[in-house]
Amino acid sequence: QVDLATGSGVHAVFETHGPFAAVINCAAISQPGLCEKDPAGARAVNVPGHIIAAMRAQQAAAGVTPFLIHISTDQDLIGSGTLYRETH
């Protein structure tokens, strides 16, 4: 069991079950209302920083660099870094 928001358990998965050739990340908070209510929590889950850190640790320990496949939603935006309105 892992918590992607805090990173709890992520390194343990890599240490116990790795090394991995690929990691497929399908986890996300994709409900706009929840993301707007808790942008920091949504970013903590939706940006796979803890997974990437575990991948880097695996690379250092085992010399294996896994390939990351990160699934996104249909809510991708232009990436200007600003909050969006539904009219955009």
C-alpha atoms as a PDB file:
ATOM      1  CA  GLN A   1       0.000   0.000   0.000  1.00  0.00           C
ATOM      2  CA  VAL A   2       1.322   3.436  -0.926  1.00  0.00           C
ATOM      3  CA  ASP A   3       0.265   7.016  -0.384  1.00  0.00           C
ATOM      4  CA  LEU A   4       1.311   9.058  -3.401  1.00  0.00           C
ATOM      5  CA  ALA A   5       0.539  12.339  -1.644  1.00  0.00           C
ATOM      6  CA  THR A   6       3.118  11.705   1.084  1.00  0.00           C
ATOM      7  CA  GLY A   7       5.289   9.111  -0.642  1.00  0.00           C
ATOM      8  CA  SER A   8       4.702   6.622   2.158  1.00  0.00           C
ATOM      9  CA  GLY A   9       5.394   3.107   0.924  1.00  0.00           C
ATOM     10  CA  VAL A  10       6.657   4.063  -2.547  1.00  0.00           C
ATOM     11  CA  HIS A  11      10.332   3.269  -1.879  1.00  0.00           C
ATOM     12  CA  ALA A  12       9.333   0.022  -0.129  1.00  0.00           C
ATOM     13  CA  VAL A  13       7.562  -1.186  -3.278  1.00  0.00           C
ATOM     14  CA  PHE A  14      10.691  -0.596  -5.330  1.00  0.00           C
ATOM     15  CA  GLU A  15      12.918  -2.250  -2.723  1.00  0.00           C
ATOM     16  CA  THR A  16      10.622  -5.264  -2.237  1.00  0.00           C
ATOM     17  CA  HIS A  17       9.445  -5.913  -5.795  1.00  0.00           C
ATOM     18  CA  GLY A  18      12.055  -4.211  -7.991  1.00  0.00           C
ATOM     19  CA  PRO A  19      14.077  -3.593  -9.903  1.00  0.00           C
ATOM     20  CA  PHE A  20      11.538  -2.575 -12.504  1.00  0.00           C
ATOM     21  CA  ALA A  21      12.091  -2.109 -16.217  1.00  0.00           C
ATOM     22  CA  ALA A  22       9.027   0.143 -16.445  1.00  0.00           C
ATOM     23  CA  VAL A  23       6.622   1.908 -14.133  1.00  0.00           C
ATOM     24  CA  ILE A  24       3.105   2.693 -15.338  1.00  0.00           C
ATOM     25  CA  ASN A  25       1.517   5.413 -13.230  1.00  0.00           C
ATOM     26  CA  CYS A  26      -2.255   5.568 -13.663  1.00  0.00           C
ATOM     27  CA  ALA A  27      -2.997   7.223 -10.313  1.00  0.00           C
ATOM     28  CA  ALA A  28      -4.523  10.684 -10.283  1.00  0.00           C
ATOM     29  CA  ILE A  29      -7.011  12.966  -8.676  1.00  0.00           C
ATOM     30  CA  SER A  30      -8.945  13.827 -11.806  1.00  0.00           C
ATOM     31  CA  GLN A  31     -12.088  15.400 -10.411  1.00  0.00           C
ATOM     32  CA  PRO A  32     -11.813  19.141 -11.081  1.00  0.00           C
ATOM     33  CA  GLY A  33     -13.822  20.063  -7.988  1.00  0.00           C
ATOM     34  CA  LEU A  34     -11.481  18.138  -5.695  1.00  0.00           C
ATOM     35  CA  CYS A  35      -8.425  19.592  -7.415  1.00  0.00           C
ATOM     36  CA  GLU A  36      -9.774  23.119  -6.964  1.00  0.00           C
ATOM     37  CA  LYS A  37     -10.577  22.509  -3.280  1.00  0.00           C
ATOM     38  CA  ASP A  38      -7.123  21.087  -2.538  1.00  0.00           C
ATOM     39  CA  PRO A  39      -4.628  22.157  -5.218  1.00  0.00           C
ATOM     40  CA  ALA A  40      -1.625  21.167  -3.095  1.00  0.00           C
ATOM     41  CA  GLY A  41      -3.054  17.703  -2.462  1.00  0.00           C
ATOM     42  CA  ALA A  42      -3.920  17.266  -6.126  1.00  0.00           C
ATOM     43  CA  ARG A  43      -0.424  18.321  -7.178  1.00  0.00           C
ATOM     44  CA  ALA A  44       1.139  15.948  -4.641  1.00  0.00           C
ATOM     45  CA  VAL A  45      -0.696  13.002  -6.234  1.00  0.00           C
ATOM     46  CA  ASN A  46      -0.799  14.124  -9.866  1.00  0.00           C
ATOM     47  CA  VAL A  47       2.877  15.064 -10.142  1.00  0.00           C
ATOM     48  CA  PRO A  48       4.758  11.764  -9.644  1.00  0.00           C
ATOM     49  CA  GLY A  49       7.668  13.199  -7.653  1.00  0.00           C
ATOM     50  CA  HIS A  50       7.758  10.344  -5.127  1.00  0.00           C
ATOM     51  CA  ILE A  51       7.717   7.756  -7.906  1.00  0.00           C
ATOM     52  CA  ILE A  52      10.546   9.537  -9.703  1.00  0.00           C
ATOM     53  CA  ALA A  53      12.577   9.683  -6.490  1.00  0.00           C
ATOM     54  CA  ALA A  54      12.117   5.929  -6.014  1.00  0.00           C
ATOM     55  CA  MET A  55      13.090   5.340  -9.642  1.00  0.00           C
ATOM     56  CA  ARG A  56      16.293   7.347  -9.116  1.00  0.00           C
ATOM     57  CA  ALA A  57      17.063   5.382  -5.948  1.00  0.00           C
ATOM     58  CA  GLN A  58      16.578   2.133  -7.891  1.00  0.00           C
ATOM     59  CA  GLN A  59      18.934   3.401 -10.560  1.00  0.00           C
ATOM     60  CA  ALA A  60      21.592   4.209  -7.962  1.00  0.00           C
ATOM     61  CA  ALA A  61      21.177   0.908  -6.094  1.00  0.00           C
ATOM     62  CA  ALA A  62      20.628  -1.545  -8.928  1.00  0.00           C
ATOM     63  CA  GLY A  63      21.939   0.285 -11.973  1.00  0.00           C
ATOM     64  CA  VAL A  64      18.545  -0.132 -13.636  1.00  0.00           C
ATOM     65  CA  THR A  65      16.727   2.906 -14.998  1.00  0.00           C
ATOM     66  CA  PRO A  66      13.020   2.172 -15.311  1.00  0.00           C
ATOM     67  CA  PHE A  67      10.973   3.760 -18.047  1.00  0.00           C
ATOM     68  CA  LEU A  68       8.101   5.896 -16.681  1.00  0.00           C
ATOM     69  CA  ILE A  69       4.741   5.823 -18.417  1.00  0.00           C
ATOM     70  CA  HIS A  70       2.604   8.524 -16.832  1.00  0.00           C
ATOM     71  CA  ILE A  71      -1.063   8.465 -17.811  1.00  0.00           C
ATOM     72  CA  SER A  72      -2.761  11.845 -17.938  1.00  0.00           C
ATOM     73  CA  THR A  73      -6.400  12.835 -18.222  1.00  0.00           C
ATOM     74  CA  ASP A  74      -8.357  14.537 -20.945  1.00  0.00           C
ATOM     75  CA  GLN A  75      -8.080  17.691 -18.841  1.00  0.00           C
ATOM     76  CA  ASP A  76      -4.622  18.637 -20.104  1.00  0.00           C
ATOM     77  CA  LEU A  77      -4.253  22.347 -20.549  1.00  0.00           C
ATOM     78  CA  ILE A  78      -1.756  24.572 -22.291  1.00  0.00           C
ATOM     79  CA  GLY A  79       0.652  24.673 -19.365  1.00  0.00           C
ATOM     80  CA  SER A  80       1.003  28.397 -18.788  1.00  0.00           C
ATOM     81  CA  GLY A  81       1.121  27.809 -15.037  1.00  0.00           C
ATOM     82  CA  THR A  82      -2.006  29.818 -14.315  1.00  0.00           C
ATOM     83  CA  LEU A  83      -5.377  28.651 -13.084  1.00  0.00           C
ATOM     84  CA  TYR A  84      -7.913  28.142 -15.832  1.00  0.00           C
ATOM     85  CA  ARG A  85     -11.561  28.964 -16.224  1.00  0.00           C
ATOM     86  CA  GLU A  86     -13.921  26.625 -18.054  1.00  0.00           C
ATOM     87  CA  THR A  87     -14.204  29.225 -20.824  1.00  0.00           C
ATOM     88  CA  HIS A  88     -10.580  28.629 -21.914  1.00  0.00           C
END
